[in-house]
Amino acid sequence: MRVHAFSAVIVLIAGIWAGLEPIEWMLVIMLIGGMLALELVNSALERTVDLVTKECHPLAKQAKDMAAGAVLVFAVTSAIIGLLIFLPKWF
């Protein structure tokens, strides 16, 4: 979560520096909000699984891995969209 929050601050500073258009700001803010929300859902799921079972059950591991995978997919997608927004402004 800290990494995502730090990245969000960097992206917001870069957005100010790049002079994003209003629609670009909306996309960036939606991506930041979505990333932080998904990270919170992932953390909640991990804690719920830990609460239900203390043993290393294969299904518990799968649930945690799938939630972490969802965060990774969204992070990669957000990075690609960020590049599509920022690269034309920088080069």
PDB file of N, CA and C in Angstrom:
ATOM      1  N   MET A   1       0.825  -1.197   0.000  1.00  0.00           N
ATOM      2  CA  MET A   1       0.000   0.000   0.000  1.00  0.00           C
ATOM      3  C   MET A   1       0.870   1.262   0.000  1.00  0.00           C
ATOM      4  N   ARG A   2       1.965   1.226   0.763  1.00  0.00           N
ATOM      5  CA  ARG A   2       2.848   2.397   0.818  1.00  0.00           C
ATOM      6  C   ARG A   2       3.466   2.689  -0.544  1.00  0.00           C
ATOM      7  N   VAL A   3       3.833   1.633  -1.247  1.00  0.00           N
ATOM      8  CA  VAL A   3       4.433   1.804  -2.574  1.00  0.00           C
ATOM      9  C   VAL A   3       3.429   2.453  -3.517  1.00  0.00           C
ATOM     10  N   HIS A   4       2.178   1.998  -3.457  1.00  0.00           N
ATOM     11  CA  HIS A   4       1.144   2.559  -4.322  1.00  0.00           C
ATOM     12  C   HIS A   4       0.850   4.017  -3.963  1.00  0.00           C
ATOM     13  N   ALA A   5       0.812   4.321  -2.679  1.00  0.00           N
ATOM     14  CA  ALA A   5       0.571   5.704  -2.256  1.00  0.00           C
ATOM     15  C   ALA A   5       1.718   6.613  -2.690  1.00  0.00           C
ATOM     16  N   PHE A   6       2.956   6.137  -2.534  1.00  0.00           N
ATOM     17  CA  PHE A   6       4.117   6.911  -2.970  1.00  0.00           C
ATOM     18  C   PHE A   6       4.082   7.120  -4.482  1.00  0.00           C
ATOM     19  N   SER A   7       3.753   6.057  -5.211  1.00  0.00           N
ATOM     20  CA  SER A   7       3.653   6.158  -6.675  1.00  0.00           C
ATOM     21  C   SER A   7       2.575   7.155  -7.077  1.00  0.00           C
ATOM     22  N   ALA A   8       1.466   7.163  -6.351  1.00  0.00           N
ATOM     23  CA  ALA A   8       0.378   8.098  -6.652  1.00  0.00           C
ATOM     24  C   ALA A   8       0.855   9.544  -6.512  1.00  0.00           C
ATOM     25  N   VAL A   9       1.619   9.824  -5.476  1.00  0.00           N
ATOM     26  CA  VAL A   9       2.144  11.182  -5.284  1.00  0.00           C
ATOM     27  C   VAL A   9       3.060  11.561  -6.445  1.00  0.00           C
ATOM     28  N   ILE A  10       3.924  10.644  -6.845  1.00  0.00           N
ATOM     29  CA  ILE A  10       4.833  10.899  -7.969  1.00  0.00           C
ATOM     30  C   ILE A  10       4.032  11.167  -9.247  1.00  0.00           C
ATOM     31  N   VAL A  11       3.002  10.364  -9.497  1.00  0.00           N
ATOM     32  CA  VAL A  11       2.178  10.536 -10.702  1.00  0.00           C
ATOM     33  C   VAL A  11       1.451  11.883 -10.663  1.00  0.00           C
ATOM     34  N   LEU A  12       0.945  12.277  -9.501  1.00  0.00           N
ATOM     35  CA  LEU A  12       0.260  13.570  -9.395  1.00  0.00           C
ATOM     36  C   LEU A  12       1.228  14.723  -9.671  1.00  0.00           C
ATOM     37  N   ILE A  13       2.433  14.623  -9.144  1.00  0.00           N
ATOM     38  CA  ILE A  13       3.441  15.663  -9.420  1.00  0.00           C
ATOM     39  C   ILE A  13       3.781  15.683 -10.905  1.00  0.00           C
ATOM     40  N   ALA A  14       3.950  14.513 -11.494  1.00  0.00           N
ATOM     41  CA  ALA A  14       4.242  14.434 -12.928  1.00  0.00           C
ATOM     42  C   ALA A  14       3.088  15.003 -13.749  1.00  0.00           C
ATOM     43  N   GLY A  15       1.856  14.779 -13.293  1.00  0.00           N
ATOM     44  CA  GLY A  15       0.691  15.323 -13.996  1.00  0.00           C
ATOM     45  C   GLY A  15       0.655  16.839 -13.973  1.00  0.00           C
ATOM     46  N   ILE A  16       1.014  17.411 -12.837  1.00  0.00           N
ATOM     47  CA  ILE A  16       1.078  18.869 -12.747  1.00  0.00           C
ATOM     48  C   ILE A  16       2.171  19.389 -13.671  1.00  0.00           C
ATOM     49  N   TRP A  17       3.336  18.740 -13.628  1.00  0.00           N
ATOM     50  CA  TRP A  17       4.470  19.150 -14.448  1.00  0.00           C
ATOM     51  C   TRP A  17       4.161  19.020 -15.942  1.00  0.00           C
ATOM     52  N   ALA A  18       3.420  17.951 -16.324  1.00  0.00           N
ATOM     53  CA  ALA A  18       3.125  17.706 -17.738  1.00  0.00           C
ATOM     54  C   ALA A  18       1.948  18.531 -18.241  1.00  0.00           C
ATOM     55  N   GLY A  19       1.187  19.135 -17.344  1.00  0.00           N
ATOM     56  CA  GLY A  19       0.037  19.930 -17.748  1.00  0.00           C
ATOM     57  C   GLY A  19      -1.074  19.087 -18.346  1.00  0.00           C
ATOM     58  N   LEU A  20      -1.519  18.097 -17.597  1.00  0.00           N
ATOM     59  CA  LEU A  20      -2.564  17.204 -18.094  1.00  0.00           C
ATOM     60  C   LEU A  20      -3.866  17.952 -18.367  1.00  0.00           C
ATOM     61  N   GLU A  21      -4.568  17.465 -19.354  1.00  0.00           N
ATOM     62  CA  GLU A  21      -5.906  17.982 -19.678  1.00  0.00           C
ATOM     63  C   GLU A  21      -6.902  17.419 -18.664  1.00  0.00           C
ATOM     64  N   PRO A  22      -8.085  18.053 -18.524  1.00  0.00           N
ATOM     65  CA  PRO A  22      -9.071  17.561 -17.549  1.00  0.00           C
ATOM     66  C   PRO A  22      -9.434  16.084 -17.723  1.00  0.00           C
ATOM     67  N   ILE A  23      -9.616  15.628 -18.949  1.00  0.00           N
ATOM     68  CA  ILE A  23      -9.973  14.215 -19.166  1.00  0.00           C
ATOM     69  C   ILE A  23      -8.828  13.298 -18.748  1.00  0.00           C
ATOM     70  N   GLU A  24      -7.599  13.756 -18.958  1.00  0.00           N
ATOM     71  CA  GLU A  24      -6.439  12.966 -18.537  1.00  0.00           C
ATOM     72  C   GLU A  24      -6.351  12.903 -17.016  1.00  0.00           C
ATOM     73  N   TRP A  25      -6.657  14.029 -16.364  1.00  0.00           N
ATOM     74  CA  TRP A  25      -6.693  14.034 -14.896  1.00  0.00           C
ATOM     75  C   TRP A  25      -7.744  13.058 -14.382  1.00  0.00           C
ATOM     76  N   MET A  26      -8.905  13.032 -15.038  1.00  0.00           N
ATOM     77  CA  MET A  26      -9.960  12.100 -14.606  1.00  0.00           C
ATOM     78  C   MET A  26      -9.483  10.654 -14.699  1.00  0.00           C
ATOM     79  N   LEU A  27      -8.828  10.317 -15.798  1.00  0.00           N
ATOM     80  CA  LEU A  27      -8.306   8.957 -15.956  1.00  0.00           C
ATOM     81  C   LEU A  27      -7.254   8.643 -14.899  1.00  0.00           C
ATOM     82  N   VAL A  28      -6.326   9.555 -14.704  1.00  0.00           N
ATOM     83  CA  VAL A  28      -5.256   9.332 -13.727  1.00  0.00           C
ATOM     84  C   VAL A  28      -5.835   9.171 -12.319  1.00  0.00           C
ATOM     85  N   ILE A  29      -6.761  10.023 -11.951  1.00  0.00           N
ATOM     86  CA  ILE A  29      -7.367   9.935 -10.612  1.00  0.00           C
ATOM     87  C   ILE A  29      -8.171   8.648 -10.455  1.00  0.00           C
ATOM     88  N   MET A  30      -8.879   8.244 -11.503  1.00  0.00           N
ATOM     89  CA  MET A  30      -9.626   6.978 -11.447  1.00  0.00           C
ATOM     90  C   MET A  30      -8.667   5.789 -11.294  1.00  0.00           C
ATOM     91  N   LEU A  31      -7.552   5.823 -12.012  1.00  0.00           N
ATOM     92  CA  LEU A  31      -6.583   4.734 -11.906  1.00  0.00           C
ATOM     93  C   LEU A  31      -5.946   4.692 -10.519  1.00  0.00           C
ATOM     94  N   ILE A  32      -5.595   5.853  -9.982  1.00  0.00           N
ATOM     95  CA  ILE A  32      -5.021   5.901  -8.629  1.00  0.00           C
ATOM     96  C   ILE A  32      -6.039   5.391  -7.612  1.00  0.00           C
ATOM     97  N   GLY A  33      -7.255   5.888  -7.695  1.00  0.00           N
ATOM     98  CA  GLY A  33      -8.303   5.441  -6.765  1.00  0.00           C
ATOM     99  C   GLY A  33      -8.583   3.954  -6.890  1.00  0.00           C
ATOM    100  N   GLY A  34      -8.635   3.469  -8.121  1.00  0.00           N
ATOM    101  CA  GLY A  34      -8.869   2.042  -8.340  1.00  0.00           C
ATOM    102  C   GLY A  34      -7.748   1.192  -7.779  1.00  0.00           C
ATOM    103  N   MET A  35      -6.520   1.647  -7.958  1.00  0.00           N
ATOM    104  CA  MET A  35      -5.366   0.896  -7.458  1.00  0.00           C
ATOM    105  C   MET A  35      -5.382   0.833  -5.934  1.00  0.00           C
ATOM    106  N   LEU A  36      -5.612   1.978  -5.302  1.00  0.00           N
ATOM    107  CA  LEU A  36      -5.650   2.000  -3.834  1.00  0.00           C
ATOM    108  C   LEU A  36      -6.818   1.176  -3.292  1.00  0.00           C
ATOM    109  N   ALA A  37      -7.972   1.273  -3.944  1.00  0.00           N
ATOM    110  CA  ALA A  37      -9.138   0.492  -3.511  1.00  0.00           C
ATOM    111  C   ALA A  37      -8.877  -1.003  -3.672  1.00  0.00           C
ATOM    112  N   LEU A  38      -8.290  -1.402  -4.793  1.00  0.00           N
ATOM    113  CA  LEU A  38      -8.009  -2.814  -5.015  1.00  0.00           C
ATOM    114  C   LEU A  38      -6.974  -3.337  -4.027  1.00  0.00           C
ATOM    115  N   GLU A  39      -6.010  -2.514  -3.683  1.00  0.00           N
ATOM    116  CA  GLU A  39      -5.016  -2.916  -2.688  1.00  0.00           C
ATOM    117  C   GLU A  39      -5.687  -3.121  -1.324  1.00  0.00           C
ATOM    118  N   LEU A  40      -6.637  -2.265  -0.980  1.00  0.00           N
ATOM    119  CA  LEU A  40      -7.379  -2.440   0.282  1.00  0.00           C
ATOM    120  C   LEU A  40      -8.213  -3.715   0.265  1.00  0.00           C
ATOM    121  N   VAL A  41      -8.842  -4.016  -0.859  1.00  0.00           N
ATOM    122  CA  VAL A  41      -9.628  -5.257  -0.981  1.00  0.00           C
ATOM    123  C   VAL A  41      -8.696  -6.465  -0.843  1.00  0.00           C
ATOM    124  N   ASN A  42      -7.530  -6.397  -1.483  1.00  0.00           N
ATOM    125  CA  ASN A  42      -6.554  -7.484  -1.372  1.00  0.00           C
ATOM    126  C   ASN A  42      -6.139  -7.685   0.086  1.00  0.00           C
ATOM    127  N   SER A  43      -5.847  -6.600   0.776  1.00  0.00           N
ATOM    128  CA  SER A  43      -5.448  -6.699   2.190  1.00  0.00           C
ATOM    129  C   SER A  43      -6.576  -7.272   3.039  1.00  0.00           C
ATOM    130  N   ALA A  44      -7.800  -6.844   2.778  1.00  0.00           N
ATOM    131  CA  ALA A  44      -8.947  -7.360   3.534  1.00  0.00           C
ATOM    132  C   ALA A  44      -9.130  -8.855   3.289  1.00  0.00           C
ATOM    133  N   LEU A  45      -8.986  -9.281   2.045  1.00  0.00           N
ATOM    134  CA  LEU A  45      -9.127 -10.701   1.728  1.00  0.00           C
ATOM    135  C   LEU A  45      -8.036 -11.511   2.418  1.00  0.00           C
ATOM    136  N   GLU A  46      -6.803 -11.022   2.388  1.00  0.00           N
ATOM    137  CA  GLU A  46      -5.710 -11.747   3.046  1.00  0.00           C
ATOM    138  C   GLU A  46      -5.952 -11.882   4.542  1.00  0.00           C
ATOM    139  N   ARG A  47      -6.418 -10.833   5.176  1.00  0.00           N
ATOM    140  CA  ARG A  47      -6.671 -10.905   6.617  1.00  0.00           C
ATOM    141  C   ARG A  47      -7.856 -11.818   6.935  1.00  0.00           C
ATOM    142  N   THR A  48      -8.863 -11.809   6.071  1.00  0.00           N
ATOM    143  CA  THR A  48     -10.013 -12.692   6.267  1.00  0.00           C
ATOM    144  C   THR A  48      -9.591 -14.147   6.147  1.00  0.00           C
ATOM    145  N   VAL A  49      -8.780 -14.463   5.150  1.00  0.00           N
ATOM    146  CA  VAL A  49      -8.281 -15.825   5.000  1.00  0.00           C
ATOM    147  C   VAL A  49      -7.453 -16.212   6.214  1.00  0.00           C
ATOM    148  N   ASP A  50      -6.609 -15.311   6.700  1.00  0.00           N
ATOM    149  CA  ASP A  50      -5.803 -15.596   7.885  1.00  0.00           C
ATOM    150  C   ASP A  50      -6.679 -15.831   9.111  1.00  0.00           C
ATOM    151  N   LEU A  51      -7.792 -15.123   9.182  1.00  0.00           N
ATOM    152  CA  LEU A  51      -8.709 -15.281  10.308  1.00  0.00           C
ATOM    153  C   LEU A  51      -9.411 -16.637  10.260  1.00  0.00           C
ATOM    154  N   VAL A  52      -9.753 -17.090   9.064  1.00  0.00           N
ATOM    155  CA  VAL A  52     -10.498 -18.334   8.898  1.00  0.00           C
ATOM    156  C   VAL A  52      -9.612 -19.547   9.126  1.00  0.00           C
ATOM    157  N   THR A  53      -8.393 -19.514   8.630  1.00  0.00           N
ATOM    158  CA  THR A  53      -7.511 -20.666   8.779  1.00  0.00           C
ATOM    159  C   THR A  53      -6.085 -20.225   9.088  1.00  0.00           C
ATOM    160  N   LYS A  54      -5.499 -20.848  10.084  1.00  0.00           N
ATOM    161  CA  LYS A  54      -4.107 -20.561  10.430  1.00  0.00           C
ATOM    162  C   LYS A  54      -3.157 -21.521   9.707  1.00  0.00           C
ATOM    163  N   GLU A  55      -3.691 -22.639   9.227  1.00  0.00           N
ATOM    164  CA  GLU A  55      -2.838 -23.600   8.520  1.00  0.00           C
ATOM    165  C   GLU A  55      -2.635 -23.165   7.075  1.00  0.00           C
ATOM    166  N   CYS A  56      -1.623 -23.708   6.453  1.00  0.00           N
ATOM    167  CA  CYS A  56      -1.303 -23.359   5.073  1.00  0.00           C
ATOM    168  C   CYS A  56      -2.126 -24.252   4.140  1.00  0.00           C
ATOM    169  N   HIS A  57      -3.364 -23.868   3.926  1.00  0.00           N
ATOM    170  CA  HIS A  57      -4.269 -24.644   3.069  1.00  0.00           C
ATOM    171  C   HIS A  57      -4.087 -24.206   1.619  1.00  0.00           C
ATOM    172  N   PRO A  58      -4.086 -25.158   0.675  1.00  0.00           N
ATOM    173  CA  PRO A  58      -3.885 -24.807  -0.732  1.00  0.00           C
ATOM    174  C   PRO A  58      -4.920 -23.806  -1.267  1.00  0.00           C
ATOM    175  N   LEU A  59      -6.166 -23.936  -0.837  1.00  0.00           N
ATOM    176  CA  LEU A  59      -7.192 -23.000  -1.307  1.00  0.00           C
ATOM    177  C   LEU A  59      -6.993 -21.605  -0.723  1.00  0.00           C
ATOM    178  N   ALA A  60      -6.522 -21.525   0.515  1.00  0.00           N
ATOM    179  CA  ALA A  60      -6.230 -20.224   1.122  1.00  0.00           C
ATOM    180  C   ALA A  60      -5.098 -19.549   0.364  1.00  0.00           C
ATOM    181  N   LYS A  61      -4.078 -20.328   0.022  1.00  0.00           N
ATOM    182  CA  LYS A  61      -2.959 -19.782  -0.753  1.00  0.00           C
ATOM    183  C   LYS A  61      -3.436 -19.315  -2.123  1.00  0.00           C
ATOM    184  N   GLN A  62      -4.284 -20.099  -2.770  1.00  0.00           N
ATOM    185  CA  GLN A  62      -4.807 -19.706  -4.078  1.00  0.00           C
ATOM    186  C   GLN A  62      -5.607 -18.412  -3.995  1.00  0.00           C
ATOM    187  N   ALA A  63      -6.432 -18.285  -2.970  1.00  0.00           N
ATOM    188  CA  ALA A  63      -7.237 -17.074  -2.807  1.00  0.00           C
ATOM    189  C   ALA A  63      -6.336 -15.852  -2.649  1.00  0.00           C
ATOM    190  N   LYS A  64      -5.306 -15.979  -1.823  1.00  0.00           N
ATOM    191  CA  LYS A  64      -4.375 -14.865  -1.622  1.00  0.00           C
ATOM    192  C   LYS A  64      -3.601 -14.549  -2.902  1.00  0.00           C
ATOM    193  N   ASP A  65      -3.155 -15.585  -3.593  1.00  0.00           N
ATOM    194  CA  ASP A  65      -2.402 -15.381  -4.832  1.00  0.00           C
ATOM    195  C   ASP A  65      -3.269 -14.734  -5.914  1.00  0.00           C
ATOM    196  N   MET A  66      -4.523 -15.133  -5.997  1.00  0.00           N
ATOM    197  CA  MET A  66      -5.421 -14.565  -7.004  1.00  0.00           C
ATOM    198  C   MET A  66      -5.713 -13.095  -6.713  1.00  0.00           C
ATOM    199  N   ALA A  67      -5.895 -12.761  -5.441  1.00  0.00           N
ATOM    200  CA  ALA A  67      -6.134 -11.362  -5.078  1.00  0.00           C
ATOM    201  C   ALA A  67      -4.890 -10.518  -5.377  1.00  0.00           C
ATOM    202  N   ALA A  68      -3.722 -11.048  -5.062  1.00  0.00           N
ATOM    203  CA  ALA A  68      -2.477 -10.332  -5.379  1.00  0.00           C
ATOM    204  C   ALA A  68      -2.302 -10.223  -6.891  1.00  0.00           C
ATOM    205  N   GLY A  69      -2.710 -11.247  -7.618  1.00  0.00           N
ATOM    206  CA  GLY A  69      -2.648 -11.212  -9.080  1.00  0.00           C
ATOM    207  C   GLY A  69      -3.545 -10.132  -9.656  1.00  0.00           C
ATOM    208  N   ALA A  70      -4.713  -9.950  -9.058  1.00  0.00           N
ATOM    209  CA  ALA A  70      -5.629  -8.898  -9.516  1.00  0.00           C
ATOM    210  C   ALA A  70      -4.992  -7.524  -9.334  1.00  0.00           C
ATOM    211  N   VAL A  71      -4.307  -7.341  -8.218  1.00  0.00           N
ATOM    212  CA  VAL A  71      -3.597  -6.076  -7.974  1.00  0.00           C
ATOM    213  C   VAL A  71      -2.510  -5.881  -9.030  1.00  0.00           C
ATOM    214  N   LEU A  72      -1.778  -6.940  -9.325  1.00  0.00           N
ATOM    215  CA  LEU A  72      -0.711  -6.852 -10.325  1.00  0.00           C
ATOM    216  C   LEU A  72      -1.266  -6.509 -11.708  1.00  0.00           C
ATOM    217  N   VAL A  73      -2.347  -7.164 -12.106  1.00  0.00           N
ATOM    218  CA  VAL A  73      -2.949  -6.888 -13.416  1.00  0.00           C
ATOM    219  C   VAL A  73      -3.385  -5.425 -13.505  1.00  0.00           C
ATOM    220  N   PHE A  74      -4.026  -4.926 -12.451  1.00  0.00           N
ATOM    221  CA  PHE A  74      -4.468  -3.530 -12.458  1.00  0.00           C
ATOM    222  C   PHE A  74      -3.285  -2.576 -12.468  1.00  0.00           C
ATOM    223  N   ALA A  75      -2.224  -2.921 -11.738  1.00  0.00           N
ATOM    224  CA  ALA A  75      -1.036  -2.065 -11.702  1.00  0.00           C
ATOM    225  C   ALA A  75      -0.380  -1.996 -13.079  1.00  0.00           C
ATOM    226  N   VAL A  76      -0.257  -3.130 -13.763  1.00  0.00           N
ATOM    227  CA  VAL A  76       0.343  -3.142 -15.097  1.00  0.00           C
ATOM    228  C   VAL A  76      -0.533  -2.369 -16.074  1.00  0.00           C
ATOM    229  N   THR A  77      -1.839  -2.591 -15.997  1.00  0.00           N
ATOM    230  CA  THR A  77      -2.768  -1.857 -16.868  1.00  0.00           C
ATOM    231  C   THR A  77      -2.677  -0.360 -16.613  1.00  0.00           C
ATOM    232  N   SER A  78      -2.617   0.029 -15.359  1.00  0.00           N
ATOM    233  CA  SER A  78      -2.490   1.445 -15.010  1.00  0.00           C
ATOM    234  C   SER A  78      -1.196   2.033 -15.545  1.00  0.00           C
ATOM    235  N   ALA A  79      -0.117   1.271 -15.458  1.00  0.00           N
ATOM    236  CA  ALA A  79       1.174   1.747 -15.962  1.00  0.00           C
ATOM    237  C   ALA A  79       1.123   1.952 -17.475  1.00  0.00           C
ATOM    238  N   ILE A  80       0.486   1.045 -18.183  1.00  0.00           N
ATOM    239  CA  ILE A  80       0.365   1.174 -19.642  1.00  0.00           C
ATOM    240  C   ILE A  80      -0.456   2.410 -19.998  1.00  0.00           C
ATOM    241  N   ILE A  81      -1.575   2.593 -19.316  1.00  0.00           N
ATOM    242  CA  ILE A  81      -2.403   3.774 -19.575  1.00  0.00           C
ATOM    243  C   ILE A  81      -1.628   5.041 -19.222  1.00  0.00           C
ATOM    244  N   GLY A  82      -0.879   5.002 -18.118  1.00  0.00           N
ATOM    245  CA  GLY A  82      -0.061   6.141 -17.737  1.00  0.00           C
ATOM    246  C   GLY A  82       0.966   6.480 -18.807  1.00  0.00           C
ATOM    247  N   LEU A  83       1.585   5.464 -19.372  1.00  0.00           N
ATOM    248  CA  LEU A  83       2.543   5.709 -20.452  1.00  0.00           C
ATOM    249  C   LEU A  83       1.856   6.322 -21.665  1.00  0.00           C
ATOM    250  N   LEU A  84       0.667   5.848 -21.988  1.00  0.00           N
ATOM    251  CA  LEU A  84      -0.079   6.412 -23.125  1.00  0.00           C
ATOM    252  C   LEU A  84      -0.441   7.882 -22.890  1.00  0.00           C
ATOM    253  N   ILE A  85      -0.654   8.240 -21.639  1.00  0.00           N
ATOM    254  CA  ILE A  85      -0.989   9.630 -21.318  1.00  0.00           C
ATOM    255  C   ILE A  85       0.271  10.503 -21.270  1.00  0.00           C
ATOM    256  N   PHE A  86       1.313  10.016 -20.603  1.00  0.00           N
ATOM    257  CA  PHE A  86       2.479  10.855 -20.332  1.00  0.00           C
ATOM    258  C   PHE A  86       3.517  10.891 -21.453  1.00  0.00           C
ATOM    259  N   LEU A  87       3.768   9.788 -22.117  1.00  0.00           N
ATOM    260  CA  LEU A  87       4.829   9.770 -23.136  1.00  0.00           C
ATOM    261  C   LEU A  87       4.651  10.819 -24.230  1.00  0.00           C
ATOM    262  N   PRO A  88       3.452  11.016 -24.783  1.00  0.00           N
ATOM    263  CA  PRO A  88       3.319  12.051 -25.804  1.00  0.00           C
ATOM    264  C   PRO A  88       3.616  13.452 -25.278  1.00  0.00           C
ATOM    265  N   LYS A  89       3.407  13.675 -23.999  1.00  0.00           N
ATOM    266  CA  LYS A  89       3.657  14.999 -23.420  1.00  0.00           C
ATOM    267  C   LYS A  89       5.157  15.215 -23.163  1.00  0.00           C
ATOM    268  N   TRP A  90       5.884  14.118 -22.959  1.00  0.00           N
ATOM    269  CA  TRP A  90       7.305  14.217 -22.643  1.00  0.00           C
ATOM    270  C   TRP A  90       8.180  14.182 -23.895  1.00  0.00           C
ATOM    271  N   PHE A  91       7.691  13.523 -24.960  1.00  0.00           N
ATOM    272  CA  PHE A  91       8.539  13.358 -26.164  1.00  0.00           C
ATOM    273  C   PHE A  91       7.849  13.856 -27.397  1.00  0.00           C
TER     274      PHE A  91
END
